[in-house]
PDB file of N, CA and C in Angstrom:
ATOM      1  N   MET A   1     -34.666 -68.511 -34.491  1.00  0.00           N
ATOM      2  CA  MET A   1     -35.240 -68.417 -35.799  1.00  0.00           C
ATOM      3  C   MET A   1     -36.186 -67.231 -35.796  1.00  0.00           C
ATOM      4  N   PRO A   2     -36.431 -66.580 -36.805  1.00  0.00           N
ATOM      5  CA  PRO A   2     -35.827 -66.704 -38.118  1.00  0.00           C
ATOM      6  C   PRO A   2     -34.724 -65.681 -38.356  1.00  0.00           C
ATOM      7  N   GLN A   3     -34.102 -65.158 -37.317  1.00  0.00           N
ATOM      8  CA  GLN A   3     -33.074 -64.135 -37.525  1.00  0.00           C
ATOM      9  C   GLN A   3     -31.887 -64.682 -38.302  1.00  0.00           C
ATOM     10  N   ASP A   4     -31.435 -65.887 -37.980  1.00  0.00           N
ATOM     11  CA  ASP A   4     -30.239 -66.439 -38.610  1.00  0.00           C
ATOM     12  C   ASP A   4     -30.532 -67.623 -39.527  1.00  0.00           C
ATOM     13  N   VAL A   5     -31.606 -68.326 -39.262  1.00  0.00           N
ATOM     14  CA  VAL A   5     -31.929 -69.540 -40.014  1.00  0.00           C
ATOM     15  C   VAL A   5     -33.424 -69.565 -40.283  1.00  0.00           C
ATOM     16  N   SER A   6     -33.803 -69.888 -41.520  1.00  0.00           N
ATOM     17  CA  SER A   6     -35.215 -70.113 -41.830  1.00  0.00           C
ATOM     18  C   SER A   6     -35.447 -71.612 -41.861  1.00  0.00           C
ATOM     19  N   LEU A   7     -36.622 -72.025 -41.425  1.00  0.00           N
ATOM     20  CA  LEU A   7     -36.957 -73.438 -41.342  1.00  0.00           C
ATOM     21  C   LEU A   7     -38.274 -73.689 -42.052  1.00  0.00           C
ATOM     22  N   VAL A   8     -38.268 -74.686 -42.964  1.00  0.00           N
ATOM     23  CA  VAL A   8     -39.483 -75.139 -43.633  1.00  0.00           C
ATOM     24  C   VAL A   8     -39.486 -76.652 -43.543  1.00  0.00           C
ATOM     25  N   CYS A   9     -40.581 -77.218 -43.103  1.00  0.00           N
ATOM     26  CA  CYS A   9     -40.708 -78.662 -43.020  1.00  0.00           C
ATOM     27  C   CYS A   9     -41.489 -79.161 -44.235  1.00  0.00           C
ATOM     28  N   ASP A  10     -41.098 -80.297 -44.787  1.00  0.00           N
ATOM     29  CA  ASP A  10     -41.784 -80.785 -45.988  1.00  0.00           C
ATOM     30  C   ASP A  10     -43.022 -81.625 -45.681  1.00  0.00           C
ATOM     31  N   ASP A  11     -43.363 -81.794 -44.443  1.00  0.00           N
ATOM     32  CA  ASP A  11     -44.578 -82.499 -44.034  1.00  0.00           C
ATOM     33  C   ASP A  11     -45.230 -81.748 -42.890  1.00  0.00           C
ATOM     34  N   PRO A  12     -46.565 -81.694 -42.888  1.00  0.00           N
ATOM     35  CA  PRO A  12     -47.233 -81.084 -41.743  1.00  0.00           C
ATOM     36  C   PRO A  12     -47.161 -82.032 -40.542  1.00  0.00           C
ATOM     37  N   ASP A  13     -47.206 -81.480 -39.368  1.00  0.00           N
ATOM     38  CA  ASP A  13     -47.193 -82.286 -38.150  1.00  0.00           C
ATOM     39  C   ASP A  13     -48.151 -81.660 -37.152  1.00  0.00           C
ATOM     40  N   PRO A  14     -48.974 -82.446 -36.489  1.00  0.00           N
ATOM     41  CA  PRO A  14     -49.916 -81.873 -35.507  1.00  0.00           C
ATOM     42  C   PRO A  14     -49.220 -81.057 -34.420  1.00  0.00           C
ATOM     43  N   ALA A  15     -47.977 -81.367 -34.118  1.00  0.00           N
ATOM     44  CA  ALA A  15     -47.248 -80.631 -33.081  1.00  0.00           C
ATOM     45  C   ALA A  15     -46.994 -79.180 -33.472  1.00  0.00           C
ATOM     46  N   PHE A  16     -47.103 -78.863 -34.760  1.00  0.00           N
ATOM     47  CA  PHE A  16     -46.867 -77.485 -35.192  1.00  0.00           C
ATOM     48  C   PHE A  16     -47.863 -76.524 -34.545  1.00  0.00           C
ATOM     49  N   ALA A  17     -49.025 -77.003 -34.187  1.00  0.00           N
ATOM     50  CA  ALA A  17     -50.031 -76.151 -33.544  1.00  0.00           C
ATOM     51  C   ALA A  17     -49.542 -75.647 -32.191  1.00  0.00           C
ATOM     52  N   TRP A  18     -48.595 -76.332 -31.602  1.00  0.00           N
ATOM     53  CA  TRP A  18     -48.081 -75.963 -30.280  1.00  0.00           C
ATOM     54  C   TRP A  18     -46.798 -75.138 -30.358  1.00  0.00           C
ATOM     55  N   GLN A  19     -46.240 -75.004 -31.543  1.00  0.00           N
ATOM     56  CA  GLN A  19     -44.952 -74.337 -31.691  1.00  0.00           C
ATOM     57  C   GLN A  19     -45.102 -72.816 -31.715  1.00  0.00           C
ATOM     58  N   VAL A  20     -44.164 -72.142 -31.079  1.00  0.00           N
ATOM     59  CA  VAL A  20     -44.079 -70.689 -31.140  1.00  0.00           C
ATOM     60  C   VAL A  20     -42.634 -70.354 -31.464  1.00  0.00           C
ATOM     61  N   PRO A  21     -42.357 -69.762 -32.612  1.00  0.00           N
ATOM     62  CA  PRO A  21     -43.295 -69.359 -33.656  1.00  0.00           C
ATOM     63  C   PRO A  21     -43.805 -70.581 -34.423  1.00  0.00           C
ATOM     64  N   THR A  22     -44.887 -70.394 -35.145  1.00  0.00           N
ATOM     65  CA  THR A  22     -45.435 -71.495 -35.934  1.00  0.00           C
ATOM     66  C   THR A  22     -44.420 -71.926 -36.981  1.00  0.00           C
ATOM     67  N   VAL A  23     -44.412 -73.199 -37.315  1.00  0.00           N
ATOM     68  CA  VAL A  23     -43.445 -73.754 -38.258  1.00  0.00           C
ATOM     69  C   VAL A  23     -43.994 -73.669 -39.684  1.00  0.00           C
ATOM     70  N   ALA A  24     -43.242 -73.055 -40.570  1.00  0.00           N
ATOM     71  CA  ALA A  24     -43.617 -73.031 -41.983  1.00  0.00           C
ATOM     72  C   ALA A  24     -43.488 -74.455 -42.526  1.00  0.00           C
ATOM     73  N   HIS A  25     -44.462 -74.867 -43.328  1.00  0.00           N
ATOM     74  CA  HIS A  25     -44.425 -76.232 -43.851  1.00  0.00           C
ATOM     75  C   HIS A  25     -45.196 -76.337 -45.155  1.00  0.00           C
ATOM     76  N   ILE A  26     -45.095 -77.491 -45.762  1.00  0.00           N
ATOM     77  CA  ILE A  26     -45.802 -77.778 -47.002  1.00  0.00           C
ATOM     78  C   ILE A  26     -46.865 -78.812 -46.685  1.00  0.00           C
ATOM     79  N   ARG A  27     -48.099 -78.476 -46.984  1.00  0.00           N
ATOM     80  CA  ARG A  27     -49.218 -79.382 -46.721  1.00  0.00           C
ATOM     81  C   ARG A  27     -49.540 -80.131 -48.009  1.00  0.00           C
ATOM     82  N   TRP A  28     -49.561 -81.454 -47.935  1.00  0.00           N
ATOM     83  CA  TRP A  28     -49.878 -82.277 -49.091  1.00  0.00           C
ATOM     84  C   TRP A  28     -50.395 -83.621 -48.608  1.00  0.00           C
ATOM     85  N   GLN A  29     -51.068 -84.319 -49.507  1.00  0.00           N
ATOM     86  CA  GLN A  29     -51.612 -85.626 -49.187  1.00  0.00           C
ATOM     87  C   GLN A  29     -50.640 -86.701 -49.665  1.00  0.00           C
ATOM     88  N   ALA A  30     -50.220 -87.573 -48.796  1.00  0.00           N
ATOM     89  CA  ALA A  30     -49.258 -88.617 -49.146  1.00  0.00           C
ATOM     90  C   ALA A  30     -49.897 -89.757 -49.941  1.00  0.00           C
ATOM     91  N   GLU A  31     -51.187 -89.995 -49.754  1.00  0.00           N
ATOM     92  CA  GLU A  31     -51.827 -91.164 -50.360  1.00  0.00           C
ATOM     93  C   GLU A  31     -51.665 -91.240 -51.883  1.00  0.00           C
ATOM     94  N   PRO A  32     -51.909 -90.153 -52.644  1.00  0.00           N
ATOM     95  CA  PRO A  32     -51.710 -90.262 -54.097  1.00  0.00           C
ATOM     96  C   PRO A  32     -50.268 -90.599 -54.475  1.00  0.00           C
ATOM     97  N   CYS A  33     -49.318 -90.079 -53.744  1.00  0.00           N
ATOM     98  CA  CYS A  33     -47.908 -90.370 -54.024  1.00  0.00           C
ATOM     99  C   CYS A  33     -47.595 -91.827 -53.718  1.00  0.00           C
ATOM    100  N   VAL A  34     -48.147 -92.339 -52.630  1.00  0.00           N
ATOM    101  CA  VAL A  34     -47.928 -93.743 -52.267  1.00  0.00           C
ATOM    102  C   VAL A  34     -48.555 -94.653 -53.312  1.00  0.00           C
ATOM    103  N   ARG A  35     -49.778 -94.331 -53.756  1.00  0.00           N
ATOM    104  CA  ARG A  35     -50.427 -95.141 -54.792  1.00  0.00           C
ATOM    105  C   ARG A  35     -49.585 -95.179 -56.065  1.00  0.00           C
ATOM    106  N   ARG A  36     -49.046 -94.024 -56.450  1.00  0.00           N
ATOM    107  CA  ARG A  36     -48.222 -93.958 -57.665  1.00  0.00           C
ATOM    108  C   ARG A  36     -46.952 -94.782 -57.499  1.00  0.00           C
ATOM    109  N   LEU A  37     -46.342 -94.708 -56.328  1.00  0.00           N
ATOM    110  CA  LEU A  37     -45.134 -95.478 -56.052  1.00  0.00           C
ATOM    111  C   LEU A  37     -45.414 -96.981 -56.117  1.00  0.00           C
ATOM    112  N   VAL A  38     -46.526 -97.405 -55.551  1.00  0.00           N
ATOM    113  CA  VAL A  38     -46.903 -98.822 -55.598  1.00  0.00           C
ATOM    114  C   VAL A  38     -47.135 -99.258 -57.042  1.00  0.00           C
ATOM    115  N   ARG A  39     -47.838 -98.429 -57.816  1.00  0.00           N
ATOM    116  CA  ARG A  39     -48.093 -98.745 -59.224  1.00  0.00           C
ATOM    117  C   ARG A  39     -46.768 -98.866 -59.995  1.00  0.00           C
ATOM    118  N   TRP A  40     -45.832 -97.941 -59.730  1.00  0.00           N
ATOM    119  CA  TRP A  40     -44.524 -97.999 -60.375  1.00  0.00           C
ATOM    120  C   TRP A  40     -43.796 -99.295 -59.998  1.00  0.00           C
ATOM    121  N   ALA A  41     -43.809 -99.662 -58.718  1.00  0.00           N
ATOM    122  CA  ALA A  41     -43.132-100.880 -58.265  1.00  0.00           C
ATOM    123  C   ALA A  41     -43.745-102.122 -58.905  1.00  0.00           C
ATOM    124  N   GLU A  42     -45.067-102.152 -58.990  1.00  0.00           N
ATOM    125  CA  GLU A  42     -45.731-103.299 -59.625  1.00  0.00           C
ATOM    126  C   GLU A  42     -45.353-103.404 -61.101  1.00  0.00           C
ATOM    127  N   ASN A  43     -45.361-102.286 -61.810  1.00  0.00           N
ATOM    128  CA  ASN A  43     -44.985-102.289 -63.222  1.00  0.00           C
ATOM    129  C   ASN A  43     -43.533-102.702 -63.410  1.00  0.00           C
ATOM    130  N   THR A  44     -42.660-102.192 -62.589  1.00  0.00           N
ATOM    131  CA  THR A  44     -41.240-102.526 -62.688  1.00  0.00           C
ATOM    132  C   THR A  44     -41.012-104.001 -62.394  1.00  0.00           C
ATOM    133  N   ALA A  45     -41.686-104.528 -61.376  1.00  0.00           N
ATOM    134  CA  ALA A  45     -41.547-105.944 -61.032  1.00  0.00           C
ATOM    135  C   ALA A  45     -42.051-106.833 -62.166  1.00  0.00           C
ATOM    136  N   ALA A  46     -43.037-106.341 -62.917  1.00  0.00           N
ATOM    137  CA  ALA A  46     -43.590-107.111 -64.035  1.00  0.00           C
ATOM    138  C   ALA A  46     -42.790-106.909 -65.321  1.00  0.00           C
ATOM    139  N   GLY A  47     -41.721-106.118 -65.245  1.00  0.00           N
ATOM    140  CA  GLY A  47     -40.889-105.892 -66.419  1.00  0.00           C
ATOM    141  C   GLY A  47     -41.415-104.831 -67.363  1.00  0.00           C
ATOM    142  N   ARG A  48     -42.394-104.060 -66.926  1.00  0.00           N
ATOM    143  CA  ARG A  48     -42.942-102.983 -67.760  1.00  0.00           C
ATOM    144  C   ARG A  48     -42.245-101.670 -67.410  1.00  0.00           C
ATOM    145  N   ALA A  49     -41.800-100.982 -68.433  1.00  0.00           N
ATOM    146  CA  ALA A  49     -41.178 -99.670 -68.204  1.00  0.00           C
ATOM    147  C   ALA A  49     -42.261 -98.696 -67.736  1.00  0.00           C
ATOM    148  N   ASP A  50     -41.955 -97.942 -66.715  1.00  0.00           N
ATOM    149  CA  ASP A  50     -42.916 -96.964 -66.182  1.00  0.00           C
ATOM    150  C   ASP A  50     -42.154 -95.704 -65.810  1.00  0.00           C
ATOM    151  N   GLN A  51     -42.207 -94.734 -66.695  1.00  0.00           N
ATOM    152  CA  GLN A  51     -41.522 -93.471 -66.449  1.00  0.00           C
ATOM    153  C   GLN A  51     -42.513 -92.316 -66.446  1.00  0.00           C
ATOM    154  N   ARG A  52     -43.764 -92.629 -66.156  1.00  0.00           N
ATOM    155  CA  ARG A  52     -44.787 -91.579 -66.122  1.00  0.00           C
ATOM    156  C   ARG A  52     -44.524 -90.607 -64.982  1.00  0.00           C
ATOM    157  N   LYS A  53     -44.848 -89.384 -65.230  1.00  0.00           N
ATOM    158  CA  LYS A  53     -44.756 -88.348 -64.201  1.00  0.00           C
ATOM    159  C   LYS A  53     -46.135 -88.151 -63.604  1.00  0.00           C
ATOM    160  N   SER A  54     -46.153 -87.730 -62.372  1.00  0.00           N
ATOM    161  CA  SER A  54     -47.417 -87.376 -61.743  1.00  0.00           C
ATOM    162  C   SER A  54     -47.182 -86.154 -60.870  1.00  0.00           C
ATOM    163  N   LEU A  55     -48.219 -85.408 -60.678  1.00  0.00           N
ATOM    164  CA  LEU A  55     -48.137 -84.197 -59.865  1.00  0.00           C
ATOM    165  C   LEU A  55     -48.955 -84.383 -58.596  1.00  0.00           C
ATOM    166  N   ALA A  56     -48.520 -83.741 -57.551  1.00  0.00           N
ATOM    167  CA  ALA A  56     -49.261 -83.770 -56.291  1.00  0.00           C
ATOM    168  C   ALA A  56     -49.614 -82.330 -55.923  1.00  0.00           C
ATOM    169  N   LYS A  57     -50.838 -82.138 -55.511  1.00  0.00           N
ATOM    170  CA  LYS A  57     -51.230 -80.806 -55.058  1.00  0.00           C
ATOM    171  C   LYS A  57     -50.560 -80.556 -53.712  1.00  0.00           C
ATOM    172  N   ALA A  58     -50.010 -79.369 -53.590  1.00  0.00           N
ATOM    173  CA  ALA A  58     -49.334 -79.007 -52.348  1.00  0.00           C
ATOM    174  C   ALA A  58     -49.616 -77.550 -52.044  1.00  0.00           C
ATOM    175  N   GLU A  59     -49.569 -77.222 -50.777  1.00  0.00           N
ATOM    176  CA  GLU A  59     -49.824 -75.853 -50.344  1.00  0.00           C
ATOM    177  C   GLU A  59     -48.728 -75.433 -49.367  1.00  0.00           C
ATOM    178  N   PHE A  60     -48.115 -74.300 -49.625  1.00  0.00           N
ATOM    179  CA  PHE A  60     -47.133 -73.758 -48.698  1.00  0.00           C
ATOM    180  C   PHE A  60     -47.868 -73.044 -47.575  1.00  0.00           C
ATOM    181  N   VAL A  61     -47.578 -73.414 -46.344  1.00  0.00           N
ATOM    182  CA  VAL A  61     -48.190 -72.793 -45.174  1.00  0.00           C
ATOM    183  C   VAL A  61     -47.090 -71.996 -44.478  1.00  0.00           C
ATOM    184  N   GLY A  62     -47.129 -70.683 -44.670  1.00  0.00           N
ATOM    185  CA  GLY A  62     -46.109 -69.834 -44.076  1.00  0.00           C
ATOM    186  C   GLY A  62     -46.204 -69.852 -42.563  1.00  0.00           C
ATOM    187  N   GLY A  63     -45.117 -69.621 -41.930  1.00  0.00           N
ATOM    188  CA  GLY A  63     -45.095 -69.601 -40.471  1.00  0.00           C
ATOM    189  C   GLY A  63     -44.055 -68.625 -39.987  1.00  0.00           C
ATOM    190  N   GLY A  64     -43.875 -68.613 -38.718  1.00  0.00           N
ATOM    191  CA  GLY A  64     -42.937 -67.690 -38.102  1.00  0.00           C
ATOM    192  C   GLY A  64     -41.491 -68.137 -38.178  1.00  0.00           C
ATOM    193  N   THR A  65     -41.221 -69.238 -38.869  1.00  0.00           N
ATOM    194  CA  THR A  65     -39.841 -69.718 -38.965  1.00  0.00           C
ATOM    195  C   THR A  65     -39.155 -69.284 -40.250  1.00  0.00           C
ATOM    196  N   ILE A  66     -39.813 -68.408 -41.014  1.00  0.00           N
ATOM    197  CA  ILE A  66     -39.233 -67.897 -42.256  1.00  0.00           C
ATOM    198  C   ILE A  66     -38.937 -66.419 -42.059  1.00  0.00           C
ATOM    199  N   GLY A  67     -37.692 -66.067 -42.232  1.00  0.00           N
ATOM    200  CA  GLY A  67     -37.307 -64.670 -42.081  1.00  0.00           C
ATOM    201  C   GLY A  67     -36.978 -64.050 -43.414  1.00  0.00           C
ATOM    202  N   PRO A  68     -36.844 -62.731 -43.450  1.00  0.00           N
ATOM    203  CA  PRO A  68     -36.464 -62.068 -44.700  1.00  0.00           C
ATOM    204  C   PRO A  68     -35.018 -62.391 -45.047  1.00  0.00           C
ATOM    205  N   ALA A  69     -34.727 -62.364 -46.321  1.00  0.00           N
ATOM    206  CA  ALA A  69     -33.355 -62.589 -46.769  1.00  0.00           C
ATOM    207  C   ALA A  69     -32.498 -61.426 -46.277  1.00  0.00           C
ATOM    208  N   PRO A  70     -31.243 -61.705 -45.934  1.00  0.00           N
ATOM    209  CA  PRO A  70     -30.367 -60.606 -45.510  1.00  0.00           C
ATOM    210  C   PRO A  70     -30.147 -59.630 -46.658  1.00  0.00           C
ATOM    211  N   PRO A  71     -29.844 -58.385 -46.364  1.00  0.00           N
ATOM    212  CA  PRO A  71     -29.689 -57.378 -47.423  1.00  0.00           C
ATOM    213  C   PRO A  71     -28.711 -57.791 -48.522  1.00  0.00           C
ATOM    214  N   THR A  72     -27.624 -58.465 -48.175  1.00  0.00           N
ATOM    215  CA  THR A  72     -26.657 -58.861 -49.206  1.00  0.00           C
ATOM    216  C   THR A  72     -27.243 -59.876 -50.163  1.00  0.00           C
ATOM    217  N   ALA A  73     -28.197 -60.684 -49.711  1.00  0.00           N
ATOM    218  CA  ALA A  73     -28.812 -61.688 -50.584  1.00  0.00           C
ATOM    219  C   ALA A  73     -29.868 -61.061 -51.498  1.00  0.00           C
ATOM    220  N   ARG A  74     -30.320 -59.862 -51.178  1.00  0.00           N
ATOM    221  CA  ARG A  74     -31.337 -59.193 -51.995  1.00  0.00           C
ATOM    222  C   ARG A  74     -30.717 -58.257 -53.024  1.00  0.00           C
ATOM    223  N   GLY A  75     -29.417 -58.264 -53.136  1.00  0.00           N
ATOM    224  CA  GLY A  75     -28.780 -57.439 -54.140  1.00  0.00           C
ATOM    225  C   GLY A  75     -28.215 -56.136 -53.608  1.00  0.00           C
ATOM    226  N   ALA A  76     -28.415 -55.818 -52.344  1.00  0.00           N
ATOM    227  CA  ALA A  76     -27.856 -54.592 -51.765  1.00  0.00           C
ATOM    228  C   ALA A  76     -26.358 -54.784 -51.545  1.00  0.00           C
ATOM    229  N   LYS A  77     -25.623 -53.696 -51.577  1.00  0.00           N
ATOM    230  CA  LYS A  77     -24.186 -53.792 -51.364  1.00  0.00           C
ATOM    231  C   LYS A  77     -23.783 -53.129 -50.083  1.00  0.00           C
TER     232      LYS A  77
END
Protein backbone atom coordinates (compact mmCIF):
# COMPACT_ATOMS: atom_id res chain seq x y z
CA MET A 1 0.00 0.00 0.00
CA PRO A 2 -0.65 2.59 -1.25
CA GLN A 3 0.85 1.85 -4.68
CA ASP A 4 -1.92 -0.55 -5.73
CA VAL A 5 -4.56 -0.31 -3.01
CA SER A 6 -5.70 2.50 -0.73
CA LEU A 7 -7.00 1.59 2.70
CA VAL A 8 -9.33 3.59 4.96
CA CYS A 9 -10.76 2.17 8.16
CA ASP A 10 -14.14 3.42 9.39
CA ASP A 11 -13.14 3.19 13.06
CA PRO A 12 -10.01 4.32 14.86
CA ASP A 13 -7.96 1.63 16.57
CA PRO A 14 -5.16 2.08 19.12
CA ALA A 15 -3.03 -0.33 17.07
CA PHE A 16 -2.83 2.28 14.30
CA ALA A 17 -0.15 4.05 16.35
CA TRP A 18 2.12 1.07 15.71
CA GLN A 19 1.42 0.73 11.99
CA VAL A 20 3.89 1.79 9.31
CA PRO A 21 2.60 3.41 7.21
CA THR A 22 -0.05 4.93 9.44
CA VAL A 23 -3.59 3.80 8.63
CA ALA A 24 -6.00 6.39 7.27
CA HIS A 25 -9.23 6.28 9.25
CA ILE A 26 -12.35 8.12 10.31
CA ARG A 27 -12.46 9.29 13.91
CA TRP A 28 -15.92 9.53 15.45
CA GLN A 29 -17.69 8.92 18.73
CA ALA A 30 -19.91 5.83 18.76
CA GLU A 31 -21.91 6.81 21.86
CA PRO A 32 -24.28 9.33 20.17
CA CYS A 33 -25.00 6.81 17.41
CA VAL A 34 -25.68 4.06 19.94
CA ARG A 35 -28.01 6.34 21.93
CA ARG A 36 -29.93 7.19 18.75
CA LEU A 37 -30.18 3.51 17.80
CA VAL A 38 -31.52 2.62 21.26
CA ARG A 39 -34.06 5.47 21.07
CA TRP A 40 -35.17 4.24 17.62
CA ALA A 41 -35.54 0.65 18.90
CA GLU A 42 -37.57 1.80 21.91
CA ASN A 43 -39.88 3.89 19.72
CA THR A 44 -40.31 1.09 17.20
CA ALA A 45 -41.04 -1.45 19.95
CA ALA A 46 -43.69 0.93 21.32
CA GLY A 47 -45.30 1.20 17.89
CA ARG A 48 -44.19 4.80 17.30
CA ALA A 49 -42.87 5.67 13.88
CA ASP A 50 -39.34 7.05 14.14
CA GLN A 51 -37.69 8.15 10.93
CA ARG A 52 -35.68 11.04 12.34
CA LYS A 53 -32.25 11.63 10.93
CA SER A 54 -29.25 12.44 13.05
CA LEU A 55 -25.74 13.51 12.22
CA ALA A 56 -22.51 12.42 13.83
CA LYS A 57 -19.39 14.54 13.88
CA ALA A 58 -16.56 12.75 12.16
CA GLU A 59 -13.01 13.58 11.21
CA PHE A 60 -10.98 12.04 8.42
CA VAL A 61 -7.47 11.23 9.64
CA GLY A 62 -5.22 10.84 6.62
CA GLY A 63 -2.48 8.28 6.75
CA GLY A 64 0.11 6.57 4.67
CA THR A 65 -2.37 4.03 3.32
CA ILE A 66 -3.93 6.46 0.84
CA GLY A 67 -2.20 6.84 -2.49
CA PRO A 68 -2.81 9.15 -5.42
CA ALA A 69 -5.31 8.07 -8.03
CA PRO A 70 -3.70 6.50 -11.09
CA PRO A 71 -3.36 8.85 -14.08
CA THR A 72 -6.20 7.15 -15.97
CA ALA A 73 -8.57 7.82 -13.06
CA ARG A 74 -7.68 11.53 -13.06
CA GLY A 75 -8.76 12.04 -16.64
CA ALA A 76 -5.37 11.61 -18.36
CA LYS A 77 -5.27 9.47 -21.47
